[in-house]
Amino acid sequence: MGNIEAFVYNNENYLVIDGQKTKFENAPGRIQRIFANGFLADKPFINWLKSTRINGFEAGFEKWYFCKFGAYDGNPDLVGETLIPDTYNSACTDYNCEMRGKFCGNLSFQLHRHEVQTLQCLMQGYSAEQTAEKCFVSIPGAKSRIEKLKEKTGARNTAHLVSIATAWGIQPNN
């Protein structure tokens, strides 16, 4: 078994195993168990689920799978026996979700809505001044956001920052 990509398409959970797309429910039991155990071990997510109207293992797992793995991005989500959630869930468009950035992907690296908006502007080729206008912040505010994103991501410059955002699967808004 090689690396496995997990993703959601049309509200269905899929995996790409050895280059073949399969529905999650048709995956080998061993692989299903790794994902189920990952869900059950995610205590912050389980605790959040208790505060929602999402009840039951299956519904909770569906939400977890979507929040952690999102859209097809080509980056392996299961390497050996280790789950590697997406850093950024490009499939999630629910900007009002109270847990966006906390459960969408890797808990060790979180993007806030305003950071994603700033990245999307840069990805469209906007200058700091244009980004400020689009994000309804001052020019120094936009420049500060960009510098903080470079620090957070380790980007050497704005072009590198845009390439990192692209690699994460962030899509520019058109």
N, C-alpha and C. Protein backbone atom coordinates (compact mmCIF):
# COMPACT_ATOMS: atom_id res chain seq x y z
N MET A 1 0.85 -1.18 0.00
CA MET A 1 0.00 0.00 0.00
C MET A 1 0.89 1.24 0.00
N GLY A 2 0.69 2.13 -0.98
CA GLY A 2 1.45 3.38 -1.06
C GLY A 2 0.75 4.48 -0.29
N ASN A 3 1.11 5.69 -0.60
CA ASN A 3 0.48 6.85 0.02
C ASN A 3 -0.97 6.96 -0.47
N ILE A 4 -1.83 7.47 0.41
CA ILE A 4 -3.25 7.55 0.08
C ILE A 4 -3.73 8.98 0.21
N GLU A 5 -4.48 9.43 -0.77
CA GLU A 5 -5.11 10.75 -0.76
C GLU A 5 -6.57 10.57 -0.39
N ALA A 6 -7.02 11.33 0.61
CA ALA A 6 -8.43 11.31 1.03
C ALA A 6 -9.06 12.63 0.62
N PHE A 7 -10.32 12.58 0.17
CA PHE A 7 -11.00 13.81 -0.21
C PHE A 7 -12.51 13.59 -0.26
N VAL A 8 -13.22 14.70 -0.32
CA VAL A 8 -14.67 14.68 -0.42
C VAL A 8 -15.05 15.30 -1.75
N TYR A 9 -15.95 14.63 -2.47
CA TYR A 9 -16.45 15.16 -3.73
C TYR A 9 -17.94 14.86 -3.80
N ASN A 10 -18.73 15.90 -4.06
CA ASN A 10 -20.19 15.76 -4.10
C ASN A 10 -20.73 15.06 -2.84
N ASN A 11 -20.22 15.48 -1.70
CA ASN A 11 -20.65 14.95 -0.39
C ASN A 11 -20.39 13.46 -0.22
N GLU A 12 -19.46 12.90 -0.98
CA GLU A 12 -19.07 11.50 -0.85
C GLU A 12 -17.59 11.46 -0.46
N ASN A 13 -17.23 10.56 0.44
CA ASN A 13 -15.85 10.38 0.85
C ASN A 13 -15.14 9.43 -0.10
N TYR A 14 -13.97 9.86 -0.58
CA TYR A 14 -13.19 9.07 -1.51
C TYR A 14 -11.76 8.92 -1.03
N LEU A 15 -11.09 7.94 -1.59
CA LEU A 15 -9.66 7.72 -1.40
C LEU A 15 -9.04 7.42 -2.76
N VAL A 16 -7.80 7.81 -2.92
CA VAL A 16 -7.02 7.36 -4.07
C VAL A 16 -5.96 6.44 -3.51
N ILE A 17 -6.09 5.16 -3.84
CA ILE A 17 -5.19 4.12 -3.35
C ILE A 17 -4.48 3.52 -4.56
N ASP A 18 -3.17 3.60 -4.56
CA ASP A 18 -2.37 3.08 -5.68
C ASP A 18 -2.88 3.59 -7.02
N GLY A 19 -3.22 4.88 -7.06
CA GLY A 19 -3.66 5.52 -8.29
C GLY A 19 -5.10 5.27 -8.67
N GLN A 20 -5.84 4.52 -7.87
CA GLN A 20 -7.23 4.20 -8.18
C GLN A 20 -8.17 4.89 -7.20
N LYS A 21 -9.16 5.60 -7.73
CA LYS A 21 -10.16 6.26 -6.89
C LYS A 21 -11.19 5.24 -6.43
N THR A 22 -11.52 5.29 -5.14
CA THR A 22 -12.54 4.40 -4.60
C THR A 22 -13.32 5.14 -3.53
N LYS A 23 -14.58 4.79 -3.38
CA LYS A 23 -15.35 5.35 -2.28
C LYS A 23 -14.78 4.82 -0.98
N PHE A 24 -14.81 5.65 0.04
CA PHE A 24 -14.26 5.26 1.34
C PHE A 24 -14.87 3.95 1.82
N GLU A 25 -16.17 3.80 1.64
CA GLU A 25 -16.86 2.60 2.13
C GLU A 25 -16.37 1.32 1.45
N ASN A 26 -15.73 1.45 0.28
CA ASN A 26 -15.22 0.28 -0.43
C ASN A 26 -13.73 0.03 -0.18
N ALA A 27 -13.12 0.87 0.65
CA ALA A 27 -11.69 0.73 0.95
C ALA A 27 -11.48 -0.49 1.85
N PRO A 28 -10.27 -1.04 1.84
CA PRO A 28 -9.98 -2.15 2.75
C PRO A 28 -10.25 -1.76 4.21
N GLY A 29 -10.71 -2.73 4.97
CA GLY A 29 -11.06 -2.49 6.37
C GLY A 29 -9.92 -1.90 7.18
N ARG A 30 -8.69 -2.32 6.90
CA ARG A 30 -7.53 -1.80 7.63
C ARG A 30 -7.41 -0.30 7.45
N ILE A 31 -7.62 0.18 6.24
CA ILE A 31 -7.54 1.62 5.96
C ILE A 31 -8.70 2.34 6.65
N GLN A 32 -9.90 1.79 6.55
CA GLN A 32 -11.06 2.40 7.22
C GLN A 32 -10.81 2.53 8.71
N ARG A 33 -10.19 1.51 9.32
CA ARG A 33 -9.91 1.54 10.77
C ARG A 33 -8.92 2.63 11.13
N ILE A 34 -7.91 2.86 10.29
CA ILE A 34 -6.94 3.91 10.57
C ILE A 34 -7.64 5.26 10.63
N PHE A 35 -8.53 5.51 9.66
CA PHE A 35 -9.27 6.77 9.66
C PHE A 35 -10.23 6.84 10.85
N ALA A 36 -10.94 5.76 11.13
CA ALA A 36 -11.88 5.75 12.27
C ALA A 36 -11.13 6.00 13.58
N ASN A 37 -9.97 5.38 13.74
CA ASN A 37 -9.19 5.59 14.95
C ASN A 37 -8.67 7.02 15.03
N GLY A 38 -8.32 7.61 13.89
CA GLY A 38 -7.91 9.01 13.85
C GLY A 38 -9.03 9.93 14.31
N PHE A 39 -10.23 9.63 13.86
CA PHE A 39 -11.40 10.41 14.28
C PHE A 39 -11.61 10.28 15.78
N LEU A 40 -11.62 9.06 16.28
CA LEU A 40 -11.88 8.84 17.71
C LEU A 40 -10.78 9.43 18.60
N ALA A 41 -9.58 9.54 18.08
CA ALA A 41 -8.47 10.10 18.87
C ALA A 41 -8.43 11.63 18.85
N ASP A 42 -9.23 12.24 17.98
CA ASP A 42 -9.22 13.70 17.84
C ASP A 42 -10.13 14.33 18.90
N LYS A 43 -9.66 14.39 20.13
CA LYS A 43 -10.48 14.85 21.26
C LYS A 43 -11.01 16.27 21.10
N PRO A 44 -10.19 17.24 20.61
CA PRO A 44 -10.77 18.59 20.43
C PRO A 44 -11.97 18.59 19.49
N PHE A 45 -11.87 17.80 18.41
CA PHE A 45 -12.97 17.75 17.46
C PHE A 45 -14.18 17.06 18.09
N ILE A 46 -13.96 15.97 18.78
CA ILE A 46 -15.05 15.24 19.44
C ILE A 46 -15.75 16.15 20.45
N ASN A 47 -14.97 16.90 21.22
CA ASN A 47 -15.57 17.83 22.20
C ASN A 47 -16.40 18.90 21.51
N TRP A 48 -15.90 19.41 20.38
CA TRP A 48 -16.67 20.40 19.64
C TRP A 48 -17.96 19.78 19.11
N LEU A 49 -17.89 18.56 18.61
CA LEU A 49 -19.09 17.89 18.09
C LEU A 49 -20.19 17.82 19.16
N LYS A 50 -19.81 17.62 20.40
CA LYS A 50 -20.79 17.53 21.48
C LYS A 50 -21.58 18.82 21.64
N SER A 51 -21.01 19.95 21.19
CA SER A 51 -21.70 21.23 21.31
C SER A 51 -22.56 21.55 20.08
N THR A 52 -22.57 20.65 19.11
CA THR A 52 -23.33 20.89 17.87
C THR A 52 -24.55 19.98 17.82
N ARG A 53 -25.25 20.06 16.73
CA ARG A 53 -26.41 19.18 16.51
C ARG A 53 -26.01 17.94 15.72
N ILE A 54 -24.71 17.74 15.57
CA ILE A 54 -24.22 16.57 14.85
C ILE A 54 -24.13 15.44 15.86
N ASN A 55 -24.93 14.39 15.63
CA ASN A 55 -24.99 13.27 16.56
C ASN A 55 -24.63 11.97 15.88
N GLY A 56 -24.04 11.08 16.63
CA GLY A 56 -23.73 9.74 16.13
C GLY A 56 -22.37 9.66 15.49
N PHE A 57 -21.83 8.45 15.50
CA PHE A 57 -20.50 8.21 14.96
C PHE A 57 -20.42 8.56 13.48
N GLU A 58 -21.38 8.07 12.70
CA GLU A 58 -21.30 8.26 11.24
C GLU A 58 -21.35 9.74 10.85
N ALA A 59 -22.29 10.50 11.42
CA ALA A 59 -22.40 11.93 11.10
C ALA A 59 -21.16 12.68 11.57
N GLY A 60 -20.67 12.33 12.76
CA GLY A 60 -19.47 12.97 13.27
C GLY A 60 -18.26 12.67 12.41
N PHE A 61 -18.14 11.41 11.99
CA PHE A 61 -17.02 11.02 11.13
C PHE A 61 -17.08 11.76 9.81
N GLU A 62 -18.28 11.89 9.22
CA GLU A 62 -18.43 12.59 7.94
C GLU A 62 -17.93 14.03 8.06
N LYS A 63 -18.31 14.71 9.13
CA LYS A 63 -17.90 16.09 9.34
C LYS A 63 -16.38 16.16 9.53
N TRP A 64 -15.84 15.26 10.34
CA TRP A 64 -14.39 15.22 10.60
C TRP A 64 -13.63 14.98 9.30
N TYR A 65 -14.08 14.01 8.50
CA TYR A 65 -13.41 13.67 7.24
C TYR A 65 -13.37 14.89 6.33
N PHE A 66 -14.50 15.60 6.25
CA PHE A 66 -14.55 16.79 5.40
C PHE A 66 -13.63 17.88 5.94
N CYS A 67 -13.69 18.15 7.23
CA CYS A 67 -12.90 19.23 7.81
C CYS A 67 -11.40 18.94 7.74
N LYS A 68 -11.01 17.70 7.88
CA LYS A 68 -9.59 17.37 7.90
C LYS A 68 -8.98 17.16 6.52
N PHE A 69 -9.77 16.68 5.56
CA PHE A 69 -9.17 16.28 4.29
C PHE A 69 -9.69 17.06 3.08
N GLY A 70 -10.87 17.66 3.17
CA GLY A 70 -11.36 18.57 2.15
C GLY A 70 -11.36 18.03 0.74
N ALA A 71 -10.85 18.83 -0.17
CA ALA A 71 -10.88 18.51 -1.59
C ALA A 71 -9.64 17.73 -2.00
N TYR A 72 -9.68 17.16 -3.19
CA TYR A 72 -8.52 16.45 -3.74
C TYR A 72 -7.41 17.47 -3.97
N ASP A 73 -6.27 17.25 -3.35
CA ASP A 73 -5.15 18.17 -3.55
C ASP A 73 -3.88 17.46 -3.96
N GLY A 74 -3.92 16.14 -4.05
CA GLY A 74 -2.76 15.40 -4.50
C GLY A 74 -1.70 15.16 -3.44
N ASN A 75 -1.85 15.78 -2.27
CA ASN A 75 -0.90 15.53 -1.18
C ASN A 75 -1.40 14.34 -0.38
N PRO A 76 -0.53 13.36 -0.10
CA PRO A 76 -1.01 12.18 0.62
C PRO A 76 -1.51 12.52 2.01
N ASP A 77 -2.64 11.94 2.37
CA ASP A 77 -3.25 12.14 3.69
C ASP A 77 -3.01 10.96 4.60
N LEU A 78 -2.58 9.85 4.03
CA LEU A 78 -2.22 8.67 4.81
C LEU A 78 -0.90 8.15 4.25
N VAL A 79 0.12 8.21 5.08
CA VAL A 79 1.44 7.72 4.70
C VAL A 79 1.76 6.60 5.68
N GLY A 80 1.81 5.39 5.15
CA GLY A 80 1.96 4.24 6.04
C GLY A 80 0.75 4.14 6.94
N GLU A 81 0.96 4.31 8.23
CA GLU A 81 -0.15 4.26 9.20
C GLU A 81 -0.42 5.64 9.80
N THR A 82 0.22 6.69 9.25
CA THR A 82 0.13 8.03 9.81
C THR A 82 -0.81 8.91 9.00
N LEU A 83 -1.82 9.47 9.66
CA LEU A 83 -2.73 10.42 9.02
C LEU A 83 -2.09 11.79 9.01
N ILE A 84 -2.17 12.47 7.86
CA ILE A 84 -1.62 13.81 7.71
C ILE A 84 -2.72 14.70 7.13
N PRO A 85 -3.51 15.36 7.99
CA PRO A 85 -4.59 16.21 7.49
C PRO A 85 -4.05 17.35 6.63
N ASP A 86 -4.90 17.87 5.75
CA ASP A 86 -4.53 19.01 4.92
C ASP A 86 -4.23 20.21 5.80
N THR A 87 -3.29 21.04 5.36
CA THR A 87 -2.98 22.26 6.08
C THR A 87 -4.11 23.27 5.89
N TYR A 88 -4.70 23.28 4.73
CA TYR A 88 -5.79 24.20 4.43
C TYR A 88 -6.85 23.43 3.65
N ASN A 89 -8.09 23.55 4.09
CA ASN A 89 -9.19 22.84 3.45
C ASN A 89 -9.82 23.74 2.39
N SER A 90 -9.40 23.57 1.16
CA SER A 90 -9.89 24.42 0.09
C SER A 90 -11.34 24.12 -0.28
N ALA A 91 -11.88 23.01 0.19
CA ALA A 91 -13.27 22.68 -0.13
C ALA A 91 -14.26 23.42 0.77
N CYS A 92 -13.80 23.88 1.92
CA CYS A 92 -14.70 24.51 2.88
C CYS A 92 -14.95 25.96 2.50
N THR A 93 -16.18 26.28 2.27
CA THR A 93 -16.55 27.66 1.98
C THR A 93 -17.42 28.24 3.08
N ASP A 94 -17.50 27.54 4.20
CA ASP A 94 -18.31 28.01 5.33
C ASP A 94 -17.47 28.94 6.21
N TYR A 95 -17.37 30.20 5.79
CA TYR A 95 -16.57 31.17 6.52
C TYR A 95 -17.19 31.52 7.87
N ASN A 96 -18.43 31.13 8.09
CA ASN A 96 -19.08 31.40 9.37
C ASN A 96 -18.91 30.28 10.39
N CYS A 97 -18.28 29.19 9.98
CA CYS A 97 -18.07 28.07 10.89
C CYS A 97 -17.19 28.53 12.04
N GLU A 98 -17.67 28.36 13.25
CA GLU A 98 -16.90 28.81 14.42
C GLU A 98 -15.61 28.04 14.61
N MET A 99 -15.46 26.92 13.95
CA MET A 99 -14.24 26.13 14.10
C MET A 99 -13.34 26.20 12.88
N ARG A 100 -13.66 27.06 11.92
CA ARG A 100 -12.82 27.21 10.73
C ARG A 100 -11.43 27.65 11.18
N GLY A 101 -10.42 27.00 10.67
CA GLY A 101 -9.05 27.31 11.05
C GLY A 101 -8.59 26.53 12.26
N LYS A 102 -9.53 26.02 13.04
CA LYS A 102 -9.17 25.20 14.19
C LYS A 102 -9.22 23.73 13.82
N PHE A 103 -10.23 23.35 13.04
CA PHE A 103 -10.36 21.95 12.67
C PHE A 103 -10.16 21.72 11.19
N CYS A 104 -10.11 22.76 10.41
CA CYS A 104 -9.84 22.57 8.98
C CYS A 104 -8.35 22.31 8.84
N GLY A 105 -8.01 21.06 8.83
CA GLY A 105 -6.63 20.70 8.63
C GLY A 105 -5.85 20.57 9.93
N ASN A 106 -4.60 20.87 9.85
CA ASN A 106 -3.64 20.61 10.90
C ASN A 106 -3.76 21.59 12.06
N LEU A 107 -3.99 21.12 13.25
CA LEU A 107 -4.15 21.99 14.41
C LEU A 107 -2.89 22.78 14.73
N SER A 108 -1.73 22.32 14.30
CA SER A 108 -0.50 23.03 14.62
C SER A 108 -0.31 24.26 13.73
N PHE A 109 -1.06 24.36 12.65
CA PHE A 109 -0.94 25.52 11.77
C PHE A 109 -2.34 25.95 11.37
N GLN A 110 -2.74 27.14 11.80
CA GLN A 110 -4.10 27.58 11.56
C GLN A 110 -4.10 28.87 10.74
N LEU A 111 -4.97 28.93 9.76
CA LEU A 111 -5.17 30.15 8.99
C LEU A 111 -6.51 30.75 9.38
N HIS A 112 -6.50 32.04 9.61
CA HIS A 112 -7.74 32.74 9.92
C HIS A 112 -8.35 33.26 8.63
N ARG A 113 -9.62 33.59 8.68
CA ARG A 113 -10.34 34.04 7.48
C ARG A 113 -9.62 35.22 6.83
N HIS A 114 -9.20 36.20 7.62
CA HIS A 114 -8.55 37.38 7.03
C HIS A 114 -7.20 37.02 6.39
N GLU A 115 -6.54 35.98 6.90
CA GLU A 115 -5.28 35.54 6.30
C GLU A 115 -5.54 34.88 4.95
N VAL A 116 -6.58 34.08 4.87
CA VAL A 116 -6.94 33.43 3.60
C VAL A 116 -7.33 34.50 2.58
N GLN A 117 -8.11 35.50 3.01
CA GLN A 117 -8.51 36.57 2.09
C GLN A 117 -7.29 37.33 1.57
N THR A 118 -6.35 37.60 2.45
CA THR A 118 -5.13 38.30 2.05
C THR A 118 -4.35 37.46 1.03
N LEU A 119 -4.20 36.17 1.31
CA LEU A 119 -3.50 35.29 0.38
C LEU A 119 -4.22 35.25 -0.97
N GLN A 120 -5.54 35.19 -0.96
CA GLN A 120 -6.29 35.13 -2.21
C GLN A 120 -6.06 36.38 -3.05
N CYS A 121 -5.98 37.53 -2.40
CA CYS A 121 -5.70 38.77 -3.14
C CYS A 121 -4.31 38.71 -3.76
N LEU A 122 -3.32 38.28 -2.97
CA LEU A 122 -1.96 38.19 -3.50
C LEU A 122 -1.89 37.20 -4.66
N MET A 123 -2.66 36.12 -4.57
CA MET A 123 -2.66 35.11 -5.63
C MET A 123 -3.26 35.66 -6.92
N GLN A 124 -4.09 36.69 -6.79
CA GLN A 124 -4.67 37.31 -7.98
C GLN A 124 -3.76 38.40 -8.54
N GLY A 125 -2.60 38.59 -7.89
CA GLY A 125 -1.63 39.56 -8.38
C GLY A 125 -1.83 40.96 -7.84
N TYR A 126 -2.68 41.10 -6.83
CA TYR A 126 -2.91 42.43 -6.26
C TYR A 126 -1.70 42.90 -5.45
N SER A 127 -1.44 44.19 -5.51
CA SER A 127 -0.38 44.79 -4.69
C SER A 127 -0.89 44.91 -3.26
N ALA A 128 -0.02 45.31 -2.35
CA ALA A 128 -0.43 45.52 -0.95
C ALA A 128 -1.52 46.59 -0.89
N GLU A 129 -1.39 47.62 -1.71
CA GLU A 129 -2.38 48.70 -1.72
C GLU A 129 -3.74 48.19 -2.20
N GLN A 130 -3.73 47.40 -3.27
CA GLN A 130 -4.97 46.84 -3.80
C GLN A 130 -5.56 45.82 -2.82
N THR A 131 -4.70 45.05 -2.16
CA THR A 131 -5.15 44.08 -1.15
C THR A 131 -5.84 44.81 -0.01
N ALA A 132 -5.25 45.93 0.41
CA ALA A 132 -5.86 46.73 1.48
C ALA A 132 -7.27 47.16 1.09
N GLU A 133 -7.42 47.62 -0.13
CA GLU A 133 -8.74 48.05 -0.61
C GLU A 133 -9.73 46.89 -0.64
N LYS A 134 -9.30 45.76 -1.18
CA LYS A 134 -10.19 44.58 -1.28
C LYS A 134 -10.56 44.01 0.08
N CYS A 135 -9.65 44.10 1.06
CA CYS A 135 -9.88 43.52 2.39
C CYS A 135 -10.42 44.55 3.39
N PHE A 136 -10.62 45.78 2.91
CA PHE A 136 -11.17 46.84 3.76
C PHE A 136 -10.30 47.11 4.99
N VAL A 137 -8.99 47.19 4.76
CA VAL A 137 -8.04 47.55 5.82
C VAL A 137 -7.13 48.65 5.28
N SER A 138 -6.39 49.27 6.18
CA SER A 138 -5.45 50.30 5.77
C SER A 138 -4.28 49.67 5.02
N ILE A 139 -3.55 50.49 4.29
CA ILE A 139 -2.38 49.98 3.57
C ILE A 139 -1.35 49.43 4.56
N PRO A 140 -1.04 50.15 5.66
CA PRO A 140 -0.12 49.55 6.64
C PRO A 140 -0.68 48.24 7.23
N GLY A 141 -2.00 48.16 7.39
CA GLY A 141 -2.61 46.93 7.89
C GLY A 141 -2.41 45.77 6.93
N ALA A 142 -2.58 46.03 5.63
CA ALA A 142 -2.38 44.97 4.63
C ALA A 142 -0.91 44.55 4.59
N LYS A 143 -0.02 45.52 4.64
CA LYS A 143 1.41 45.20 4.63
C LYS A 143 1.79 44.38 5.86
N SER A 144 1.19 44.73 6.99
CA SER A 144 1.45 43.98 8.22
C SER A 144 0.95 42.54 8.10
N ARG A 145 -0.25 42.37 7.53
CA ARG A 145 -0.79 41.01 7.32
C ARG A 145 0.16 40.19 6.45
N ILE A 146 0.65 40.80 5.39
CA ILE A 146 1.53 40.09 4.47
C ILE A 146 2.82 39.69 5.17
N GLU A 147 3.40 40.60 5.94
CA GLU A 147 4.64 40.29 6.66
C GLU A 147 4.40 39.19 7.69
N LYS A 148 3.29 39.24 8.40
CA LYS A 148 2.98 38.21 9.38
C LYS A 148 2.77 36.85 8.71
N LEU A 149 2.14 36.84 7.55
CA LEU A 149 1.97 35.58 6.81
C LEU A 149 3.32 35.03 6.36
N LYS A 150 4.23 35.91 5.93
CA LYS A 150 5.56 35.45 5.54
C LYS A 150 6.28 34.83 6.73
N GLU A 151 6.17 35.47 7.89
CA GLU A 151 6.79 34.92 9.10
C GLU A 151 6.17 33.58 9.48
N LYS A 152 4.85 33.52 9.43
CA LYS A 152 4.12 32.31 9.83
C LYS A 152 4.46 31.13 8.94
N THR A 153 4.65 31.40 7.65
CA THR A 153 4.88 30.32 6.69
C THR A 153 6.35 30.09 6.37
N GLY A 154 7.21 31.02 6.78
CA GLY A 154 8.62 30.91 6.44
C GLY A 154 8.93 31.34 5.02
N ALA A 155 8.00 32.08 4.40
CA ALA A 155 8.20 32.52 3.02
C ALA A 155 9.29 33.59 2.97
N ARG A 156 10.12 33.51 1.94
CA ARG A 156 11.23 34.45 1.77
C ARG A 156 10.75 35.80 1.21
N ASN A 157 9.69 35.76 0.41
CA ASN A 157 9.16 36.98 -0.20
C ASN A 157 7.71 36.71 -0.59
N THR A 158 7.06 37.70 -1.18
CA THR A 158 5.64 37.56 -1.52
C THR A 158 5.41 36.49 -2.58
N ALA A 159 6.29 36.39 -3.54
CA ALA A 159 6.14 35.35 -4.57
C ALA A 159 6.22 33.96 -3.93
N HIS A 160 7.13 33.78 -3.00
CA HIS A 160 7.24 32.51 -2.29
C HIS A 160 5.98 32.25 -1.48
N LEU A 161 5.45 33.29 -0.86
CA LEU A 161 4.20 33.16 -0.09
C LEU A 161 3.06 32.69 -0.99
N VAL A 162 2.96 33.25 -2.18
CA VAL A 162 1.92 32.85 -3.13
C VAL A 162 2.13 31.39 -3.55
N SER A 163 3.36 30.97 -3.74
CA SER A 163 3.60 29.57 -4.14
C SER A 163 3.23 28.61 -3.01
N ILE A 164 3.46 29.02 -1.76
CA ILE A 164 3.07 28.20 -0.62
C ILE A 164 1.54 28.08 -0.57
N ALA A 165 0.85 29.20 -0.74
CA ALA A 165 -0.61 29.19 -0.73
C ALA A 165 -1.16 28.29 -1.83
N THR A 166 -0.54 28.35 -2.99
CA THR A 166 -0.96 27.50 -4.11
C THR A 166 -0.75 26.04 -3.78
N ALA A 167 0.39 25.71 -3.18
CA ALA A 167 0.68 24.33 -2.80
C ALA A 167 -0.32 23.81 -1.77
N TRP A 168 -0.82 24.69 -0.92
CA TRP A 168 -1.82 24.28 0.09
C TRP A 168 -3.20 24.08 -0.53
N GLY A 169 -3.39 24.50 -1.77
CA GLY A 169 -4.69 24.34 -2.40
C GLY A 169 -5.61 25.53 -2.24
N ILE A 170 -5.08 26.66 -1.73
CA ILE A 170 -5.92 27.84 -1.61
C ILE A 170 -6.22 28.34 -3.01
N GLN A 171 -7.49 28.64 -3.26
CA GLN A 171 -7.93 29.09 -4.57
C GLN A 171 -8.18 30.59 -4.54
N PRO A 172 -7.65 31.33 -5.52
CA PRO A 172 -7.95 32.77 -5.56
C PRO A 172 -9.42 32.99 -5.89
N ASN A 173 -10.02 33.98 -5.26
CA ASN A 173 -11.40 34.34 -5.60
C ASN A 173 -11.36 35.18 -6.85
N ASN A 174 -12.21 34.87 -7.80
CA ASN A 174 -12.25 35.65 -9.05
C ASN A 174 -13.44 36.56 -9.06
